[in-house]
Protein backbone atom coordinates (compact mmCIF):
# COMPACT_ATOMS: atom_id res chain seq x y z
CA UNK A 1 -25.20 40.59 -24.32
CA UNK A 2 -23.60 38.17 -21.41
CA UNK A 3 -22.71 39.70 -18.20
CA UNK A 4 -19.70 41.01 -18.12
CA UNK A 5 -17.46 38.32 -16.76
CA UNK A 6 -15.59 39.09 -12.88
CA UNK A 7 -12.15 39.57 -12.90
CA UNK A 8 -10.52 36.42 -11.85
CA UNK A 9 -8.17 37.28 -7.75
CA UNK A 10 -5.64 34.81 -7.33
CA UNK A 11 -5.79 33.67 -3.91
CA UNK A 12 -8.88 34.31 -3.07
CA UNK A 13 -10.52 30.70 -2.89
CA UNK A 14 -12.13 29.01 -0.20
CA UNK A 15 -10.54 27.08 2.40
CA UNK A 16 -12.85 23.98 1.06
CA UNK A 17 -11.93 24.81 -2.23
CA UNK A 18 -7.64 24.42 -1.57
CA UNK A 19 -8.19 21.69 0.32
CA UNK A 20 -10.05 20.06 -2.74
CA UNK A 21 -7.69 21.58 -5.13
CA UNK A 22 -4.69 19.83 -3.39
CA UNK A 23 -6.72 16.52 -3.21
CA UNK A 24 -6.55 16.78 -6.84
CA UNK A 25 -3.05 17.89 -6.88
CA UNK A 26 -3.63 21.59 -8.48
CA UNK A 27 -2.01 24.80 -7.18
CA UNK A 28 -4.49 25.38 -4.04
CA UNK A 29 -4.03 28.57 -4.85
CA UNK A 30 -4.89 29.57 -8.06
CA UNK A 31 -5.75 25.33 -9.41
CA UNK A 32 -3.44 25.25 -12.15
CA UNK A 33 -2.96 21.67 -12.39
CA UNK A 34 0.99 20.95 -13.54
CA UNK A 35 2.61 21.52 -10.96
CA UNK A 36 4.75 18.40 -10.71
CA UNK A 37 7.80 17.44 -12.80
CA UNK A 38 7.55 13.99 -12.14
CA UNK A 39 5.83 11.79 -9.82
CA UNK A 40 8.42 12.58 -7.05
CA UNK A 41 9.20 16.27 -7.70
CA UNK A 42 7.02 19.09 -6.98
CA UNK A 43 7.92 22.19 -9.01
CA UNK A 44 9.80 24.74 -7.05
CA UNK A 45 7.10 27.41 -7.73
CA UNK A 46 3.40 27.30 -9.39
CA UNK A 47 3.66 27.83 -13.07
CA UNK A 48 0.36 29.21 -13.15
CA UNK A 49 0.34 31.91 -9.78
CA UNK A 50 4.22 31.40 -8.56
CA UNK A 51 3.49 30.08 -5.48
CA UNK A 52 6.77 28.97 -4.21
CA UNK A 53 5.43 25.77 -2.66
CA UNK A 54 8.35 25.30 -0.16
CA UNK A 55 7.89 28.28 1.92
CA UNK A 56 10.01 27.32 4.50
CA UNK A 57 12.96 25.05 5.78
CA UNK A 58 11.45 21.65 7.20
CA UNK A 59 7.74 22.82 4.72
CA UNK A 60 7.03 19.16 3.60
CA UNK A 61 7.11 17.83 7.42
CA UNK A 62 3.21 18.64 7.16
CA UNK A 63 3.22 16.72 3.78
CA UNK A 64 4.83 13.57 5.05
CA UNK A 65 2.54 13.71 8.32
CA UNK A 66 -0.87 13.31 5.72
CA UNK A 67 0.79 10.59 3.68
CA UNK A 68 1.61 8.74 7.01
CA UNK A 69 -1.64 9.28 8.34
CA UNK A 70 -3.33 7.63 5.04
CA UNK A 71 -1.12 4.60 5.07
CA UNK A 72 -1.66 3.91 8.54
CA UNK A 73 -5.60 4.83 7.76
CA UNK A 74 -5.15 2.05 5.04
CA UNK A 75 -3.74 -0.26 7.52
CA UNK A 76 -6.35 0.30 10.35
CA UNK A 77 -8.99 -0.19 7.79
CA UNK A 78 -7.77 -3.82 6.94
CA UNK A 79 -7.31 -4.54 10.56
CA UNK A 80 -10.82 -3.35 10.90
CA UNK A 81 -11.67 -6.10 8.41
CA UNK A 82 -9.79 -8.72 9.79
CA UNK A 83 -11.06 -8.13 13.12
CA UNK A 84 -14.49 -8.35 11.70
CA UNK A 85 -13.94 -11.56 9.62
CA UNK A 86 -12.07 -13.53 12.58
CA UNK A 87 -15.03 -12.18 15.32
CA UNK A 88 -18.17 -13.79 13.20
CA UNK A 89 -16.32 -17.17 13.24
CA UNK A 90 -15.30 -16.63 9.34
CA UNK A 91 -12.15 -18.40 8.02
CA UNK A 92 -9.39 -16.03 6.88
CA UNK A 93 -6.60 -16.38 4.08
CA UNK A 94 -3.66 -15.09 6.33
CA UNK A 95 -1.32 -14.92 3.01
CA UNK A 96 -4.37 -12.73 1.42
CA UNK A 97 -4.36 -10.25 4.59
CA UNK A 98 -0.86 -9.71 4.88
CA UNK A 99 -0.25 -9.25 0.85
CA UNK A 100 -2.93 -6.40 1.26
CA UNK A 101 -1.00 -5.09 4.03
CA UNK A 102 1.91 -4.85 2.58
CA UNK A 103 0.18 -3.51 -0.67
CA UNK A 104 -0.85 -1.41 1.16
CA UNK A 105 2.27 -0.38 3.49
CA UNK A 106 4.06 -0.01 0.12
CA UNK A 107 2.02 1.11 -2.81
CA UNK A 108 -0.14 3.34 -0.72
CA UNK A 109 2.48 6.09 0.08
CA UNK A 110 3.78 6.11 -3.61
CA UNK A 111 -0.11 6.73 -4.70
CA UNK A 112 -0.77 9.15 -2.25
CA UNK A 113 2.48 10.91 -2.43
CA UNK A 114 1.43 13.82 -4.59
CA UNK A 115 -1.39 14.86 -3.09
CA UNK A 116 -0.15 14.74 0.35
CA UNK A 117 2.31 17.63 -0.80
CA UNK A 118 -0.57 19.67 -2.43
CA UNK A 119 -3.42 19.17 0.53
CA UNK A 120 -0.26 20.14 2.51
CA UNK A 121 0.54 23.21 0.31
CA UNK A 122 -3.49 24.23 1.06
CA UNK A 123 -3.66 23.98 4.54
CA UNK A 124 -0.86 25.95 5.22
CA UNK A 125 -1.90 28.30 2.91
CA UNK A 126 -5.19 28.39 4.91
CA UNK A 127 -3.08 28.78 8.32
CA UNK A 128 -0.63 30.93 6.91
CA UNK A 129 -1.98 33.43 3.98
CA UNK A 130 0.51 34.76 1.98
CA UNK A 131 2.52 37.73 2.97
CA UNK A 132 3.10 40.83 0.70
CA UNK A 133 6.85 39.70 0.18
CA UNK A 134 5.65 36.24 -0.98
CA UNK A 135 3.14 37.46 -3.05
CA UNK A 136 5.50 40.13 -4.73
CA UNK A 137 8.31 37.31 -5.39
CA UNK A 138 5.28 34.85 -6.86
CA UNK A 139 3.91 37.71 -9.59
CA UNK A 140 7.79 38.15 -10.47
CA UNK A 141 8.42 34.37 -11.13
CA UNK A 142 5.51 34.52 -13.47
CA UNK A 143 6.46 37.81 -15.28
CA UNK A 144 9.81 36.32 -15.73
CA UNK A 145 8.30 32.71 -17.08
CA UNK A 146 6.28 34.63 -19.32
CA UNK A 147 9.22 36.80 -20.55
CA UNK A 148 11.55 33.60 -20.96
CA UNK A 149 8.75 32.27 -22.85
CA UNK A 150 8.33 34.78 -25.23
CA UNK A 151 12.18 35.03 -25.66
CA UNK A 152 12.82 31.96 -26.33
CA UNK A 153 13.78 30.73 -29.87
CA UNK A 154 11.56 28.37 -31.83
CA UNK A 155 13.78 25.42 -33.38
CA UNK A 156 13.89 24.48 -36.49
CA UNK A 157 10.73 22.93 -37.96
CA UNK A 158 8.56 25.07 -35.80
CA UNK A 159 8.39 22.15 -32.94
CA UNK A 160 8.60 22.61 -29.83
CA UNK A 161 11.08 20.39 -27.76
């Protein structure tokens, strides 16, 4: 009937696709979306492909730099708007600009925390593809999670926890 489906090869996404997956808070390797346990807690491994996110000690320094840079960019845009108003002779409300600056400085990093982590994971994967040992460990983690899911007893009433 239709064409036979091509097998999905995990880890062969283009660099642009990997970064875009990171922007939308997905695993850059496979595109799985459930990589955060909570707003500030990234799972140790991707539930879809087993990618270990923190590949070495100090790994998240790059994510911190991305988060910091987005916050600074927001402040820079606000400063440019302020300079534009002043240069054109407009009266400015200092309280408004200070309030916006504080909002950007405090809320901005919170909002960009998750994407900064997943984008950094994508950039790192682009610069340093997984080693054979990392691939094997990822496959083993996915297999272990699948076995655990099969062997987990169903609670009374059939509802999952």
